[in-house]
Amino acid sequence: MKNNKELGAWLKNMGLSHPLLIAGPCSAETQEQVLEIAHQLKGTDTTVLRAGIWKPRTRPGNFEGVGEIGLKWLQRAKQETGLLTTTEVANAAHVDLALKHDVDILWVGARTTVSPFMVQEIAEALKGTGKTVLVKNPVNPDLALWLGAVERFYKVGLKNLAAVHRGFSSYEKQTYRNNPEWQIPIDLQNEFPDLPLILDPSHIAGKRDLIFDLCQTALDLNYDGIMVETHHDPDNAWSDAQQQITPAVLKQMTKDLRIPLHETDAIEFKNKLNTLRTKIDVLDHQLVDTLGKRMGIADQIGALKKSNNVAILQTKRWNDILNKMILEGEENKLSEAFILKIYKAIHQESINHQNKVITKK
């Protein structure tokens, strides 16, 4: 998983390879578990060992981490393997303990990023330390919150920052545990083009068999690294068992992933083209998903019209929609002819859906 792409400044300063590979268990469980995983990861491209010490759970009663003692296990793993270490911090007290135990990189979790108060507290606690901080996206799809969290660390003088894309929660059932919403990290990079971007495929996927494809999409989008949950016995992990992979699987995965190279102008052109095409693929997926949801609502409207004996075609409503979309199309540099073709097709499909509902016995 190595190439000669220009790295982010903090990757250079820490002597880390690109793409950066961070791996380790969701939770530190025992000293034996942490050391076993660390030694297995030493034989992979991993340069940073991750482990959750404090685990903020959605509901009380679940395993919430071993606490401070786990930091000693990370210290020993670092001494024995040479791997750098990283863990999540959620308040100033966590920061203080992590610094005392020589944790190399700290990350701010999704539940913390949603609170400017908590982010500011952590930023103030790290002021003047020069520590490397990874900022995960907030739980909800709110770009402003993510940007604001990054800015708070910049404002206290921390320069070694990176963003971690771990997906966004959704009330609707879907393929992923957390919806990738690829456009949001793309927008983040547009705001901070020099900020390294790292994918957390484990929390997006929720299932280990989806991790590889997510990693490949991220690399095609020119992400700077991957943060993967790994466990020597994932099925018996104390937390998030279904989304963890073994170090052996990680090693094979990194061999199979296609890493963009930047050796010649021709290759650079192809890489940029692949990145742009992947962005289009992401948007196309969102378009089809949105159209499917729209037709689901059309089915509901058909059922409502059927129960009230109302005609399918409502000309005034259709004309209002068309006129509004033509104006919005102009604002987005889309021609009237294009909008007409698209929305006539959408309207016809909506009529077909409603007709099936109304005529169904």
Protein backbone atom coordinates (compact mmCIF):
# COMPACT_ATOMS: atom_id res chain seq x y z
CA MET A 1 0.00 0.00 0.00
CA LYS A 2 2.84 2.38 -0.74
CA ASN A 3 3.45 4.88 -3.52
CA ASN A 4 5.30 8.13 -4.03
CA LYS A 5 2.34 10.49 -3.95
CA GLU A 6 2.98 13.88 -2.33
CA LEU A 7 2.00 13.40 1.31
CA GLY A 8 0.28 15.68 3.77
CA ALA A 9 2.79 17.64 5.85
CA TRP A 10 2.13 15.71 9.03
CA LEU A 11 2.56 12.37 7.24
CA LYS A 12 5.98 13.55 6.10
CA ASN A 13 6.91 14.82 9.54
CA MET A 14 6.05 11.51 11.17
CA GLY A 15 7.75 9.47 8.45
CA LEU A 16 4.55 7.61 7.57
CA SER A 17 3.90 5.84 4.30
CA HIS A 18 1.06 6.72 1.97
CA PRO A 19 -1.67 5.65 1.92
CA LEU A 20 -1.57 5.57 5.71
CA LEU A 21 -2.85 2.36 7.29
CA ILE A 22 -4.25 2.49 10.83
CA ALA A 23 -5.49 -0.83 12.24
CA GLY A 24 -6.40 -2.49 15.48
CA PRO A 25 -9.35 -3.61 17.58
CA CYS A 26 -12.50 -1.64 18.15
CA SER A 27 -11.84 -1.99 21.88
CA ALA A 28 -8.83 -2.88 23.98
CA GLU A 29 -10.10 -5.88 25.96
CA THR A 30 -7.10 -7.41 27.69
CA GLN A 31 -3.35 -6.87 27.59
CA GLU A 32 -2.92 -10.25 25.89
CA GLN A 33 -5.45 -9.33 23.19
CA VAL A 34 -3.82 -5.96 22.44
CA LEU A 35 -0.32 -7.45 22.24
CA GLU A 36 -1.43 -10.40 20.09
CA ILE A 37 -3.12 -8.11 17.55
CA ALA A 38 -0.20 -5.66 17.56
CA HIS A 39 2.33 -8.39 16.80
CA GLN A 40 0.16 -9.77 14.00
CA LEU A 41 -0.22 -6.27 12.53
CA LYS A 42 3.56 -5.78 12.58
CA GLY A 43 3.71 -8.09 9.56
CA THR A 44 1.33 -5.91 7.53
CA ASP A 45 1.52 -2.38 6.08
CA THR A 46 0.09 -1.03 9.33
CA THR A 47 2.06 1.85 10.88
CA VAL A 48 -0.43 2.97 13.55
CA LEU A 49 -2.14 0.70 16.10
CA ARG A 50 -5.65 1.84 17.06
CA ALA A 51 -7.68 0.69 20.05
CA GLY A 52 -10.66 2.17 21.87
CA ILE A 53 -9.94 2.72 25.56
CA TRP A 54 -13.07 4.68 26.41
CA LYS A 55 -16.06 3.50 24.39
CA PRO A 56 -19.05 5.86 24.28
CA ARG A 57 -21.98 3.52 23.65
CA THR A 58 -25.39 4.55 22.38
CA ARG A 59 -27.15 2.96 25.34
CA PRO A 60 -25.88 2.13 28.86
CA GLY A 61 -25.16 -1.44 29.84
CA ASN A 62 -22.87 -2.31 26.92
CA PHE A 63 -19.10 -2.63 27.24
CA GLU A 64 -17.77 0.92 27.62
CA GLY A 65 -14.03 0.30 27.57
CA VAL A 66 -11.37 -0.72 30.07
CA GLY A 67 -10.28 2.84 30.81
CA GLU A 68 -6.82 4.08 31.82
CA ILE A 69 -5.25 0.63 32.20
CA GLY A 70 -5.66 0.09 28.44
CA LEU A 71 -3.24 2.95 27.81
CA LYS A 72 -0.50 0.94 29.51
CA TRP A 73 -1.23 -1.93 27.13
CA LEU A 74 -0.85 0.41 24.16
CA GLN A 75 2.47 1.62 25.58
CA ARG A 76 3.76 -1.92 25.83
CA ALA A 77 2.53 -2.78 22.32
CA LYS A 78 4.43 0.24 21.00
CA GLN A 79 7.61 -0.81 22.81
CA GLU A 80 7.44 -4.39 21.52
CA THR A 81 6.40 -3.72 17.90
CA GLY A 82 7.45 -0.16 17.05
CA LEU A 83 3.95 0.67 15.90
CA LEU A 84 2.66 4.15 16.65
CA THR A 85 -0.52 4.29 18.75
CA THR A 86 -3.83 6.11 18.58
CA THR A 87 -7.00 6.18 20.67
CA GLU A 88 -10.20 8.20 20.99
CA VAL A 89 -10.51 11.04 23.49
CA ALA A 90 -13.80 12.68 24.46
CA ASN A 91 -12.76 15.22 27.09
CA ALA A 92 -9.79 17.01 28.67
CA ALA A 93 -9.26 14.25 31.24
CA HIS A 94 -8.86 11.68 28.45
CA VAL A 95 -6.38 13.99 26.71
CA ASP A 96 -4.29 14.34 29.87
CA LEU A 97 -4.10 10.57 30.41
CA ALA A 98 -3.32 9.88 26.74
CA LEU A 99 -0.47 12.39 26.80
CA LYS A 100 0.95 10.89 30.00
CA HIS A 101 0.99 7.47 28.35
CA ASP A 102 2.72 8.74 25.20
CA VAL A 103 -0.13 8.05 22.75
CA ASP A 104 1.09 9.35 19.38
CA ILE A 105 -2.18 10.30 17.70
CA LEU A 106 -5.53 11.20 19.25
CA TRP A 107 -8.85 10.99 17.49
CA VAL A 108 -12.10 12.81 18.17
CA GLY A 109 -15.10 10.54 17.71
CA ALA A 110 -18.31 11.18 15.81
CA ARG A 111 -20.37 11.66 18.97
CA THR A 112 -17.89 14.28 20.20
CA THR A 113 -17.64 16.20 16.92
CA VAL A 114 -21.33 17.10 17.17
CA SER A 115 -20.62 19.21 20.28
CA PRO A 116 -18.61 22.43 19.80
CA PHE A 117 -18.25 22.64 23.59
CA MET A 118 -16.53 19.24 23.81
CA VAL A 119 -14.36 19.89 20.77
CA GLN A 120 -13.24 23.24 22.21
CA GLU A 121 -12.40 21.59 25.54
CA ILE A 122 -10.22 19.01 23.80
CA ALA A 123 -8.59 21.64 21.59
CA GLU A 124 -7.69 23.78 24.61
CA ALA A 125 -6.27 20.74 26.41
CA LEU A 126 -4.02 20.03 23.40
CA LYS A 127 -2.91 23.62 22.85
CA GLY A 128 0.86 23.86 22.56
CA THR A 129 1.41 20.08 22.41
CA GLY A 130 1.87 19.77 18.64
CA LYS A 131 -0.04 16.49 18.77
CA THR A 132 -1.55 14.88 15.69
CA VAL A 133 -5.36 14.87 15.85
CA LEU A 134 -7.84 12.98 13.68
CA VAL A 135 -11.32 14.50 13.52
CA LYS A 136 -14.10 12.10 12.64
CA ASN A 137 -17.19 13.39 10.89
CA PRO A 138 -20.20 14.07 13.15
CA VAL A 139 -22.85 11.37 13.50
CA ASN A 140 -25.34 13.39 11.47
CA PRO A 141 -24.63 14.61 7.90
CA ASP A 142 -23.68 18.17 8.82
CA LEU A 143 -20.67 19.54 6.93
CA ALA A 144 -20.62 22.75 8.98
CA LEU A 145 -20.11 20.82 12.24
CA TRP A 146 -17.21 18.87 10.73
CA LEU A 147 -15.60 22.02 9.34
CA GLY A 148 -16.11 23.81 12.65
CA ALA A 149 -14.40 21.04 14.61
CA VAL A 150 -11.36 21.13 12.32
CA GLU A 151 -11.21 24.93 12.55
CA ARG A 152 -11.23 24.84 16.38
CA PHE A 153 -8.03 22.77 16.38
CA TYR A 154 -6.40 25.02 13.80
CA LYS A 155 -7.27 28.09 15.89
CA VAL A 156 -5.38 26.81 18.96
CA GLY A 157 -2.30 26.29 16.81
CA LEU A 158 -2.48 22.56 16.06
CA LYS A 159 -1.22 21.90 12.52
CA ASN A 160 -1.05 18.12 12.30
CA LEU A 161 -4.71 17.41 11.58
CA ALA A 162 -6.56 14.90 9.45
CA ALA A 163 -10.24 14.19 8.84
CA VAL A 164 -11.73 10.71 9.24
CA HIS A 165 -14.78 9.79 7.18
CA ARG A 166 -16.81 7.19 9.12
CA GLY A 167 -20.23 7.69 7.54
CA PHE A 168 -23.46 9.23 8.77
CA SER A 169 -26.37 7.78 10.68
CA SER A 170 -29.76 7.36 9.03
CA TYR A 171 -33.12 6.35 10.44
CA GLU A 172 -33.88 4.35 7.31
CA LYS A 173 -32.64 0.79 6.89
CA GLN A 174 -29.89 0.58 4.29
CA THR A 175 -26.96 -1.50 3.05
CA TYR A 176 -24.50 0.21 5.35
CA ARG A 177 -24.45 0.72 9.08
CA ASN A 178 -23.72 4.38 8.36
CA ASN A 179 -24.42 5.99 5.00
CA PRO A 180 -21.15 7.01 3.27
CA GLU A 181 -22.58 10.26 1.84
CA TRP A 182 -19.39 10.56 -0.23
CA GLN A 183 -20.21 14.09 -1.36
CA ILE A 184 -19.76 15.48 2.17
CA PRO A 185 -16.06 14.51 2.56
CA ILE A 186 -15.52 15.67 -1.04
CA ASP A 187 -16.95 19.07 -0.03
CA LEU A 188 -14.72 19.04 3.08
CA GLN A 189 -11.66 18.56 0.88
CA ASN A 190 -12.75 21.47 -1.29
CA GLU A 191 -12.69 23.66 1.85
CA PHE A 192 -9.39 22.23 3.18
CA PRO A 193 -7.50 20.84 0.14
CA ASP A 194 -4.32 20.17 2.18
CA LEU A 195 -6.12 18.30 4.97
CA PRO A 196 -5.41 14.53 4.78
CA LEU A 197 -8.59 12.47 4.49
CA ILE A 198 -8.81 8.98 5.99
CA LEU A 199 -11.58 6.42 5.53
CA ASP A 200 -13.03 4.42 8.41
CA PRO A 201 -14.71 1.64 6.38
CA SER A 202 -15.55 -0.44 9.45
CA HIS A 203 -18.10 2.01 10.85
CA ILE A 204 -19.58 2.72 7.43
CA ALA A 205 -19.92 -0.96 6.56
CA GLY A 206 -21.05 -2.52 9.81
CA LYS A 207 -20.23 -5.83 8.05
CA ARG A 208 -16.76 -7.05 7.16
CA ASP A 209 -17.65 -8.19 3.62
CA LEU A 210 -18.30 -4.58 2.54
CA ILE A 211 -14.96 -3.19 3.70
CA PHE A 212 -12.84 -3.90 0.62
CA ASP A 213 -15.12 -2.10 -1.85
CA LEU A 214 -15.37 0.91 0.44
CA CYS A 215 -11.58 1.11 0.69
CA GLN A 216 -11.21 0.90 -3.09
CA THR A 217 -13.73 3.69 -3.59
CA ALA A 218 -11.84 5.85 -1.09
CA LEU A 219 -8.50 5.26 -2.83
CA ASP A 220 -10.09 6.04 -6.19
CA LEU A 221 -11.27 9.31 -4.63
CA ASN A 222 -7.65 10.02 -3.63
CA TYR A 223 -8.06 9.51 0.13
CA ASP A 224 -4.82 9.58 2.12
CA GLY A 225 -5.36 6.57 4.33
CA ILE A 226 -7.55 3.89 5.84
CA MET A 227 -8.46 3.16 9.47
CA VAL A 228 -9.66 -0.46 9.73
CA GLU A 229 -10.85 -2.33 12.80
CA THR A 230 -8.91 -5.59 13.13
CA HIS A 231 -9.04 -8.35 15.72
CA HIS A 232 -7.28 -11.69 16.01
CA ASP A 233 -10.65 -13.32 16.85
CA PRO A 234 -13.29 -10.91 15.50
CA ASP A 235 -16.31 -13.15 16.03
CA ASN A 236 -15.65 -13.05 19.77
CA ALA A 237 -14.78 -9.37 20.02
CA TRP A 238 -16.37 -7.51 22.93
CA SER A 239 -17.71 -4.78 20.65
CA ASP A 240 -18.60 -4.40 16.95
CA ALA A 241 -17.68 -8.01 16.16
CA GLN A 242 -19.33 -8.09 12.72
CA GLN A 243 -17.30 -5.22 11.29
CA GLN A 244 -13.82 -6.36 12.33
CA ILE A 245 -11.41 -8.36 10.17
CA THR A 246 -8.31 -10.38 11.04
CA PRO A 247 -4.79 -9.05 10.44
CA ALA A 248 -4.34 -11.80 7.82
CA VAL A 249 -7.39 -10.59 5.90
CA LEU A 250 -6.11 -7.02 6.19
CA LYS A 251 -2.75 -8.05 4.76
CA GLN A 252 -4.36 -9.71 1.74
CA MET A 253 -6.75 -6.81 1.27
CA THR A 254 -3.93 -4.28 1.08
CA LYS A 255 -2.26 -6.43 -1.57
CA ASP A 256 -5.44 -6.58 -3.63
CA LEU A 257 -6.35 -2.90 -3.43
CA ARG A 258 -5.54 -0.83 -6.49
CA ILE A 259 -3.36 2.08 -5.35
CA PRO A 260 -3.20 5.12 -7.67
CA LEU A 261 0.37 5.90 -8.73
CA HIS A 262 1.82 9.31 -9.56
CA GLU A 263 4.99 8.64 -11.56
CA THR A 264 4.36 10.30 -14.93
CA ASP A 265 2.10 12.94 -16.38
CA ALA A 266 0.13 10.23 -18.19
CA ILE A 267 -0.43 8.29 -14.97
CA GLU A 268 -1.34 11.47 -13.13
CA PHE A 269 -3.92 12.22 -15.81
CA LYS A 270 -5.42 8.75 -15.44
CA ASN A 271 -5.53 9.07 -11.66
CA LYS A 272 -7.30 12.42 -11.83
CA LEU A 273 -9.70 11.02 -14.41
CA ASN A 274 -10.43 7.98 -12.21
CA THR A 275 -11.02 10.27 -9.24
CA LEU A 276 -13.50 12.40 -11.17
CA ARG A 277 -15.25 9.31 -12.57
CA THR A 278 -15.56 7.85 -9.08
CA LYS A 279 -17.17 11.10 -7.94
CA ILE A 280 -19.65 10.73 -10.81
CA ASP A 281 -20.33 7.13 -9.77
CA VAL A 282 -21.08 8.31 -6.25
CA LEU A 283 -23.50 10.96 -7.50
CA ASP A 284 -25.15 8.50 -9.92
CA HIS A 285 -25.79 6.15 -7.03
CA GLN A 286 -27.34 8.99 -5.05
CA LEU A 287 -29.52 9.94 -8.05
CA VAL A 288 -30.91 6.43 -8.46
CA ASP A 289 -31.44 6.08 -4.71
CA THR A 290 -33.31 9.40 -4.62
CA LEU A 291 -35.44 8.47 -7.63
CA GLY A 292 -36.33 5.17 -5.97
CA LYS A 293 -37.46 7.03 -2.83
CA ARG A 294 -39.45 9.47 -4.98
CA MET A 295 -41.31 6.61 -6.66
CA GLY A 296 -42.02 5.09 -3.27
CA ILE A 297 -43.81 8.32 -2.35
CA ALA A 298 -45.62 8.19 -5.70
CA ASP A 299 -46.94 4.75 -4.68
CA GLN A 300 -48.27 6.26 -1.45
CA ILE A 301 -49.95 9.07 -3.41
CA GLY A 302 -51.50 6.48 -5.74
CA ALA A 303 -52.98 4.63 -2.76
CA LEU A 304 -54.35 7.89 -1.35
CA LYS A 305 -55.91 8.84 -4.70
CA LYS A 306 -57.44 5.39 -5.01
CA SER A 307 -59.08 5.56 -1.61
CA ASN A 308 -60.50 9.00 -2.43
CA ASN A 309 -61.41 8.25 -6.06
CA VAL A 310 -59.14 11.02 -7.41
CA ALA A 311 -57.69 11.05 -10.96
CA ILE A 312 -54.00 10.25 -11.37
CA LEU A 313 -53.12 13.26 -13.54
CA GLN A 314 -53.27 16.61 -11.76
CA THR A 315 -52.31 19.07 -14.50
CA LYS A 316 -51.88 22.17 -12.33
CA ARG A 317 -49.60 20.34 -9.89
CA TRP A 318 -47.52 18.98 -12.79
CA ASN A 319 -47.12 22.40 -14.41
CA ASP A 320 -46.13 23.96 -11.10
CA ILE A 321 -43.42 21.32 -10.58
CA LEU A 322 -42.12 21.71 -14.12
CA ASN A 323 -41.89 25.51 -13.94
CA LYS A 324 -40.13 25.36 -10.57
CA MET A 325 -37.62 22.78 -11.79
CA ILE A 326 -36.85 24.79 -14.93
CA LEU A 327 -35.94 27.78 -12.74
CA GLU A 328 -33.81 25.65 -10.41
CA GLY A 329 -32.17 24.08 -13.45
CA GLU A 330 -31.16 27.50 -14.73
CA GLU A 331 -29.56 28.29 -11.37
CA ASN A 332 -27.51 25.10 -11.71
CA LYS A 333 -26.56 25.75 -15.37
CA LEU A 334 -28.92 23.09 -16.73
CA SER A 335 -30.76 23.84 -19.95
CA GLU A 336 -34.54 23.98 -20.11
CA ALA A 337 -34.55 21.26 -22.77
CA PHE A 338 -32.60 18.93 -20.45
CA ILE A 339 -34.91 19.59 -17.48
CA LEU A 340 -37.98 18.98 -19.64
CA LYS A 341 -36.64 15.61 -20.85
CA ILE A 342 -35.64 14.48 -17.37
CA TYR A 343 -38.83 15.55 -15.61
CA LYS A 344 -41.14 14.27 -18.31
CA ALA A 345 -39.52 10.87 -17.86
CA ILE A 346 -39.80 11.13 -14.07
CA HIS A 347 -43.43 12.22 -14.35
CA GLN A 348 -44.27 9.33 -16.65
CA GLU A 349 -42.64 6.83 -14.29
CA SER A 350 -44.61 8.36 -11.40
CA ILE A 351 -47.86 7.98 -13.36
CA ASN A 352 -46.97 4.35 -14.12
CA HIS A 353 -46.37 3.66 -10.40
CA GLN A 354 -49.66 5.30 -9.38
CA ASN A 355 -51.55 3.51 -12.13
CA LYS A 356 -50.30 0.13 -10.91
CA VAL A 357 -51.47 0.96 -7.39
CA ILE A 358 -54.89 2.19 -8.51
CA THR A 359 -55.60 -0.69 -10.91
CA LYS A 360 -54.35 -3.39 -8.55
CA LYS A 361 -57.22 -5.49 -7.24
